[in-house]
Amino acid sequence: MKKTKIMALALSSCLILGSFAGCNKNEPSASSESSSEAVTSSETTTTTSASSDTEKTAESSDPSASSESSEDTKATDPEESKDTKPAEPTNDEPDKITFDGDSQTYANTFMTNFVEQWFYYQEEGKFDVKNAKVEDVLHFAIMHLKLNAPKEIKGENKGECSFGTISFEKARDVIGKYMMYVLNEDDCKKLPAPPDSYGDTHPPYWGPYYEDGKVWFELGDGESYTNIAVVDYAKSEEDGNMTLVFTIYEIDFDIFNDLTIDQIKAYYKTTPAKAKDDKTLIKSGVGVANVSVGQSGKYFLNTYEVELIPAD
C-alpha cells in the first residue's frame, strides 16, 4: 500500500509535486512508423526456468539487448545462484507450473516491479501492451526509476516549475526491459511541453510531458511503496507465452520503516506458502499477467490485470 513517509530512497527536494515512478540497454527500433507498437517475438520459447537478468548474453528477439544496469535499490534483478531449481509442472496438476529457488525469486521480482508502484490499478486494473497508451508506459518507466534508481532522474527547472526528467533513450530502455513494447519518439513528441508556471494555464495533471529529447514529470517525495508480488504458479500457453498468477502483499508499514534495502529484497524470495504464514505481510490483492519468455528465461509483459481487496 502507498503510504506517506519521507524515505532515503526519495528524490532530492528539487523534484516536487505529484507522486509519479532497471535497465538493460534496449536496441532502438528501426521502424519509421509514427506510433509505438507491441513487440511480437518469433523466437520466444516455453522455457520455464527464469534466469537472472544479470546474464550478459541476451537473445536477439529480446527488446533488451545489452546488460547495462543502474538500478541500486529495491526491485532489481535477482542474483544467480548455483542451487537454482527450474519451475516444473506439478504431479497433481500437470498444466500448473510451480517455482522454487531463483526461479521463484525472479518471478516475484519481475511482478513486484509493477505492483510496487500500483501500476495500472486504474481502468479496472487491466493493461494490454497492444493497446497501451504512451502516457501509461512512460509513467511506468519514471516510477520504476524513482523507486529503484533515483539517481537516473535529473532535476530541472522551467520557469517557476520544477521537474524530474529522463532521456528518451532511458525511458525506452526501461520499458523495453519489462514489456513487449517499443517506445517510439514520434509518440512522445505528441505529448505537451512542460509548463513554466503554476497559474491558470497549468495542465490539470503532472505529466508526462516531452521536450528537448526528454520525458518530464513533476514529482514529489515523501511516499513509501510497500507492495510486493508473490507468484503462486504459472501456466504455459499454446502460443509459447506464459501466464503468471500472483498475490499482492503489503509489507506491514511499521516494519517496513525499519527495513534496509537488503531486507526488503529478501521478501522477493518468499514462496506462496511462506507468504500466507508471514505475519508481516498483509494480502491486498490478486493478479494475472501474461508474459513472453525469452530463450534466456527473461520475462516481458504482454497483459496484466489486478483486483484489489477492499480495505476494511
Protein backbone atom coordinates (compact mmCIF):
# COMPACT_ATOMS: atom_id res chain seq x y z
CA MET A 1 0.00 0.00 0.00
CA LYS A 2 1.19 3.51 -0.75
CA LYS A 3 1.68 5.50 2.46
CA THR A 4 3.17 8.91 3.18
CA LYS A 5 6.65 8.87 4.70
CA ILE A 6 9.98 10.57 3.94
CA MET A 7 12.36 7.85 2.73
CA ALA A 8 16.04 7.59 1.99
CA LEU A 9 15.03 6.36 -1.45
CA ALA A 10 13.18 9.57 -2.29
CA LEU A 11 14.41 12.00 -4.89
CA SER A 12 16.10 15.28 -4.00
CA SER A 13 13.90 18.12 -2.80
CA CYS A 14 14.09 19.84 -6.17
CA LEU A 15 11.58 17.30 -7.52
CA ILE A 16 8.21 18.47 -6.22
CA LEU A 17 4.50 17.80 -6.51
CA GLY A 18 2.59 14.74 -7.61
CA SER A 19 3.51 11.13 -6.98
CA PHE A 20 4.66 9.91 -10.35
CA ALA A 21 7.90 6.38 -10.78
CA GLY A 22 16.47 -1.44 -14.18
CA CYS A 23 18.00 -1.05 -17.01
CA ASN A 24 19.37 -3.20 -19.80
CA LYS A 25 20.14 -1.31 -22.97
CA ASN A 26 17.25 -1.66 -25.40
CA GLU A 27 18.05 -1.83 -29.08
CA PRO A 28 16.41 1.12 -30.88
CA SER A 29 13.61 0.23 -33.22
CA ALA A 30 14.47 0.64 -36.87
CA SER A 31 10.87 1.32 -37.71
CA SER A 32 9.92 4.71 -39.06
CA GLU A 33 6.28 4.33 -38.14
CA SER A 34 4.82 7.18 -36.15
CA SER A 35 3.27 5.05 -33.42
CA SER A 36 4.77 2.79 -30.79
CA GLU A 37 3.94 -0.87 -31.19
CA ALA A 38 3.88 -4.06 -29.23
CA VAL A 39 6.77 -6.38 -30.00
CA THR A 40 5.97 -9.83 -31.33
CA SER A 41 8.89 -12.20 -30.88
CA SER A 42 9.12 -15.22 -33.11
CA GLU A 43 11.90 -16.73 -31.03
CA THR A 44 10.40 -16.88 -27.56
CA THR A 45 10.23 -20.32 -26.02
CA THR A 46 8.26 -22.16 -23.40
CA THR A 47 11.30 -22.26 -21.14
CA THR A 48 10.05 -22.09 -17.56
CA SER A 49 13.28 -21.69 -15.64
CA ALA A 50 13.82 -17.95 -15.18
CA SER A 51 17.45 -16.92 -15.24
CA SER A 52 19.00 -13.84 -13.67
CA ASP A 53 18.74 -10.53 -15.50
CA THR A 54 22.42 -10.05 -14.84
CA GLU A 55 23.02 -12.54 -17.63
CA LYS A 56 25.26 -10.85 -20.16
CA THR A 57 24.04 -12.64 -23.28
CA ALA A 58 20.58 -11.67 -24.48
CA GLU A 59 18.84 -13.34 -27.38
CA SER A 60 18.26 -11.23 -30.45
CA SER A 61 14.47 -11.44 -30.02
CA ASP A 62 14.51 -9.65 -26.65
CA PRO A 63 13.73 -5.94 -26.59
CA SER A 64 16.69 -5.55 -24.17
CA ALA A 65 19.93 -6.22 -26.00
CA SER A 66 22.72 -5.42 -23.52
CA SER A 67 23.38 -5.75 -19.81
CA GLU A 68 23.60 -2.11 -18.70
CA SER A 69 22.11 -1.87 -15.21
CA SER A 70 21.99 1.19 -12.98
CA GLU A 71 19.32 0.16 -10.51
CA ASP A 72 20.62 0.36 -6.97
CA THR A 73 17.71 -0.05 -4.62
CA LYS A 74 14.62 -2.23 -4.36
CA ALA A 75 13.04 -4.34 -7.07
CA THR A 76 16.19 -5.10 -9.03
CA ASP A 77 17.06 -8.39 -10.64
CA PRO A 78 17.92 -11.43 -8.50
CA GLU A 79 21.48 -12.69 -8.34
CA GLU A 80 22.34 -16.04 -9.86
CA SER A 81 22.68 -19.00 -7.52
CA LYS A 82 24.15 -22.44 -8.02
CA ASP A 83 21.12 -24.04 -6.37
CA THR A 84 18.60 -22.65 -8.84
CA LYS A 85 15.70 -25.03 -9.34
CA PRO A 86 13.72 -24.71 -12.57
CA ALA A 87 9.96 -24.30 -12.49
CA GLU A 88 8.28 -27.62 -13.12
CA PRO A 89 4.72 -28.88 -13.62
CA THR A 90 3.24 -30.44 -10.51
CA ASN A 91 2.25 -34.09 -10.45
CA ASP A 92 -1.31 -33.33 -9.35
CA GLU A 93 -1.89 -30.57 -11.90
CA PRO A 94 0.31 -31.07 -14.98
CA ASP A 95 -0.68 -27.73 -16.50
CA LYS A 96 0.30 -25.80 -13.37
CA ILE A 97 3.93 -24.71 -13.05
CA THR A 98 5.35 -24.03 -9.60
CA PHE A 99 8.55 -22.19 -8.78
CA ASP A 100 11.42 -22.66 -6.35
CA GLY A 101 14.78 -21.12 -5.60
CA ASP A 102 15.91 -18.42 -8.02
CA SER A 103 13.03 -19.06 -10.41
CA GLN A 104 10.63 -18.04 -7.59
CA THR A 105 12.75 -15.01 -6.76
CA TYR A 106 12.89 -13.92 -10.39
CA ALA A 107 9.14 -14.31 -10.92
CA ASN A 108 8.37 -12.41 -7.70
CA THR A 109 10.85 -9.67 -8.54
CA PHE A 110 9.55 -9.23 -12.06
CA MET A 111 5.95 -8.77 -10.93
CA THR A 112 6.98 -6.62 -7.94
CA ASN A 113 8.39 -4.09 -10.39
CA PHE A 114 4.77 -3.47 -11.41
CA VAL A 115 2.77 -3.86 -8.22
CA GLU A 116 5.15 -1.84 -6.05
CA GLN A 117 4.19 1.32 -7.94
CA TRP A 118 0.48 0.48 -8.16
CA PHE A 119 0.88 0.09 -11.89
CA TYR A 120 -2.41 0.33 -13.74
CA TYR A 121 -4.66 -0.14 -10.75
CA GLN A 122 -6.99 2.25 -12.53
CA GLU A 123 -9.01 1.34 -15.64
CA GLU A 124 -10.45 -1.66 -13.81
CA GLY A 125 -6.93 -2.89 -13.19
CA LYS A 126 -6.37 -4.07 -16.76
CA PHE A 127 -3.40 -3.42 -19.04
CA ASP A 128 -2.70 -4.76 -22.53
CA VAL A 129 0.59 -3.79 -24.14
CA LYS A 130 -1.02 -3.93 -27.62
CA ASN A 131 -3.38 -1.13 -26.66
CA ALA A 132 -1.08 0.71 -24.27
CA LYS A 133 -1.02 4.50 -24.27
CA VAL A 134 2.37 6.16 -24.35
CA GLU A 135 1.44 8.06 -21.17
CA ASP A 136 0.99 4.81 -19.26
CA VAL A 137 4.26 3.17 -20.30
CA LEU A 138 6.17 6.38 -19.59
CA HIS A 139 4.55 6.55 -16.18
CA PHE A 140 5.80 3.02 -15.50
CA ALA A 141 9.34 3.94 -16.56
CA ILE A 142 9.72 7.05 -14.44
CA MET A 143 8.08 5.50 -11.37
CA HIS A 144 10.32 2.45 -11.74
CA LEU A 145 13.39 4.66 -11.80
CA LYS A 146 12.14 6.76 -8.90
CA LEU A 147 11.79 3.63 -6.75
CA ASN A 148 14.79 1.66 -7.99
CA ALA A 149 17.36 4.04 -9.48
CA PRO A 150 16.54 7.60 -8.39
CA LYS A 151 19.96 8.86 -9.47
CA GLU A 152 18.85 8.34 -13.07
CA ILE A 153 16.25 11.11 -12.70
CA LYS A 154 17.63 14.60 -13.24
CA GLY A 155 16.15 17.66 -11.57
CA GLU A 156 15.41 20.56 -13.92
CA ASN A 157 13.54 23.85 -13.66
CA LYS A 158 11.41 25.54 -16.26
CA GLY A 159 10.15 28.95 -15.22
CA GLU A 160 8.69 28.55 -11.74
CA CYS A 161 8.09 24.81 -12.15
CA SER A 162 10.42 22.02 -11.04
CA PHE A 163 10.61 18.68 -12.80
CA GLY A 164 12.30 15.34 -12.87
CA THR A 165 13.48 14.31 -16.33
CA ILE A 166 14.80 11.20 -18.05
CA SER A 167 16.09 10.94 -21.58
CA PHE A 168 14.02 9.30 -24.27
CA GLU A 169 16.68 6.60 -24.52
CA LYS A 170 16.46 5.80 -20.80
CA ALA A 171 12.67 5.62 -20.93
CA ARG A 172 12.86 3.33 -23.96
CA ASP A 173 15.39 1.09 -22.23
CA VAL A 174 13.31 0.64 -19.07
CA ILE A 175 10.10 -0.02 -20.97
CA GLY A 176 11.83 -2.42 -23.37
CA LYS A 177 13.33 -4.35 -20.48
CA TYR A 178 9.99 -5.14 -18.87
CA MET A 179 7.39 -5.03 -21.67
CA MET A 180 6.92 -6.29 -25.21
CA TYR A 181 6.69 -2.67 -26.32
CA VAL A 182 8.94 -0.46 -28.44
CA LEU A 183 8.75 3.20 -27.42
CA ASN A 184 8.66 5.47 -30.45
CA GLU A 185 9.90 9.03 -30.09
CA ASP A 186 7.28 10.32 -32.52
CA ASP A 187 4.61 9.35 -29.98
CA CYS A 188 6.50 11.18 -27.23
CA LYS A 189 6.71 14.31 -29.36
CA LYS A 190 2.90 14.42 -29.46
CA LEU A 191 2.81 15.00 -25.71
CA PRO A 192 2.55 18.60 -24.45
CA ALA A 193 5.66 20.52 -23.48
CA PRO A 194 6.21 21.04 -19.75
CA PRO A 195 4.56 24.20 -18.39
CA ASP A 196 6.60 27.04 -16.92
CA SER A 197 4.12 28.34 -14.34
CA TYR A 198 1.53 27.13 -11.84
CA GLY A 199 -1.11 29.59 -12.98
CA ASP A 200 -4.47 29.03 -14.67
CA THR A 201 -2.75 27.73 -17.80
CA HIS A 202 -1.09 24.83 -15.94
CA PRO A 203 -2.45 21.49 -17.19
CA PRO A 204 -4.60 19.55 -14.70
CA TYR A 205 -2.02 16.74 -14.50
CA TRP A 206 1.66 16.36 -13.71
CA GLY A 207 2.99 14.54 -16.74
CA PRO A 208 4.30 13.05 -18.81
CA TYR A 209 5.49 15.97 -20.89
CA TYR A 210 8.09 15.90 -23.65
CA GLU A 211 10.67 18.44 -24.76
CA ASP A 212 14.32 18.52 -25.87
CA GLY A 213 14.53 14.73 -26.14
CA LYS A 214 13.47 14.25 -22.52
CA VAL A 215 10.43 13.00 -20.64
CA TRP A 216 9.36 15.49 -17.95
CA PHE A 217 7.34 14.77 -14.81
CA GLU A 218 6.54 16.87 -11.78
CA LEU A 219 7.47 14.59 -8.92
CA GLY A 220 7.10 14.53 -5.16
CA ASP A 221 8.97 12.98 -2.28
CA GLY A 222 7.58 11.62 0.95
CA GLU A 223 5.75 8.46 -0.12
CA SER A 224 6.51 4.84 0.62
CA TYR A 225 5.53 1.98 -1.66
CA THR A 226 5.32 -1.23 0.36
CA ASN A 227 3.64 -3.69 -2.02
CA ILE A 228 5.33 -6.84 -3.30
CA ALA A 229 4.14 -9.66 -5.56
CA VAL A 230 4.43 -13.37 -4.83
CA VAL A 231 3.84 -15.56 -7.89
CA ASP A 232 1.67 -18.53 -6.86
CA TYR A 233 2.05 -20.53 -10.07
CA ALA A 234 2.23 -20.26 -13.84
CA LYS A 235 0.74 -21.92 -16.90
CA SER A 236 2.32 -22.41 -20.31
CA GLU A 237 0.17 -21.20 -23.20
CA GLU A 238 -0.12 -22.70 -26.67
CA ASP A 239 1.46 -19.61 -28.25
CA GLY A 240 4.65 -20.09 -26.22
CA ASN A 241 3.82 -17.39 -23.70
CA MET A 242 3.25 -17.98 -20.01
CA THR A 243 0.56 -16.82 -17.59
CA LEU A 244 1.65 -15.86 -14.08
CA VAL A 245 -0.88 -15.94 -11.26
CA PHE A 246 0.25 -13.83 -8.31
CA THR A 247 -0.84 -12.40 -4.99
CA ILE A 248 -0.16 -8.80 -3.92
CA TYR A 249 1.04 -8.32 -0.35
CA GLU A 250 1.70 -5.18 1.63
CA ILE A 251 4.68 -5.27 3.96
CA ASP A 252 3.50 -4.11 7.38
CA PHE A 253 4.19 -0.37 7.37
CA ASP A 254 5.74 -0.16 10.82
CA ILE A 255 8.11 -2.99 9.94
CA PHE A 256 8.82 -1.53 6.52
CA ASN A 257 10.01 1.68 8.19
CA ASP A 258 12.94 -0.13 9.77
CA LEU A 259 13.96 -2.36 6.85
CA THR A 260 17.18 -1.96 4.89
CA ILE A 261 17.21 -2.41 1.14
CA ASP A 262 18.67 -5.89 1.51
CA GLN A 263 15.93 -6.82 3.97
CA ILE A 264 13.28 -5.61 1.55
CA LYS A 265 14.84 -7.66 -1.25
CA ALA A 266 14.72 -10.73 0.98
CA TYR A 267 10.93 -10.63 0.69
CA TYR A 268 11.26 -11.34 -3.03
CA LYS A 269 12.42 -14.87 -2.20
CA THR A 270 9.14 -15.64 -0.46
CA THR A 271 7.23 -18.72 -1.60
CA PRO A 272 3.41 -18.69 -1.71
CA ALA A 273 3.21 -20.96 1.35
CA LYS A 274 5.56 -18.79 3.39
CA ALA A 275 3.79 -15.61 2.32
CA LYS A 276 0.48 -16.92 3.66
CA ASP A 277 2.04 -17.60 7.06
CA ASP A 278 4.15 -14.45 7.26
CA LYS A 279 2.57 -12.12 9.84
CA THR A 280 4.49 -9.16 8.42
CA LEU A 281 2.66 -9.46 5.09
CA ILE A 282 -0.91 -8.29 4.52
CA LYS A 283 -2.73 -9.65 1.47
CA SER A 284 -4.03 -6.72 -0.54
CA GLY A 285 -4.90 -8.10 -3.97
CA VAL A 286 -4.54 -10.75 -6.64
CA GLY A 287 -3.42 -10.59 -10.24
CA VAL A 288 -2.76 -12.39 -13.51
CA ALA A 289 -0.10 -11.48 -16.06
CA ASN A 290 0.72 -12.90 -19.48
CA VAL A 291 4.41 -12.75 -20.37
CA SER A 292 6.63 -13.65 -23.27
CA VAL A 293 9.61 -15.75 -22.20
CA GLY A 294 12.92 -15.28 -23.96
CA GLN A 295 15.42 -18.07 -24.51
CA SER A 296 17.38 -16.81 -21.50
CA GLY A 297 14.28 -17.12 -19.33
CA LYS A 298 13.62 -13.37 -19.08
CA TYR A 299 10.02 -12.20 -18.94
CA PHE A 300 8.39 -9.40 -20.96
CA LEU A 301 4.90 -8.24 -20.02
CA ASN A 302 2.04 -8.61 -22.51
CA THR A 303 -1.08 -8.24 -20.37
CA TYR A 304 -1.68 -7.52 -16.71
CA GLU A 305 -4.80 -7.50 -14.56
CA VAL A 306 -5.14 -6.90 -10.84
CA GLU A 307 -8.01 -6.92 -8.37
CA LEU A 308 -7.54 -5.22 -5.02
CA ILE A 309 -9.10 -6.45 -1.79
CA PRO A 310 -11.35 -3.69 -0.39
CA ALA A 311 -9.95 -2.10 2.75
CA ASP A 312 -11.86 -2.77 5.96
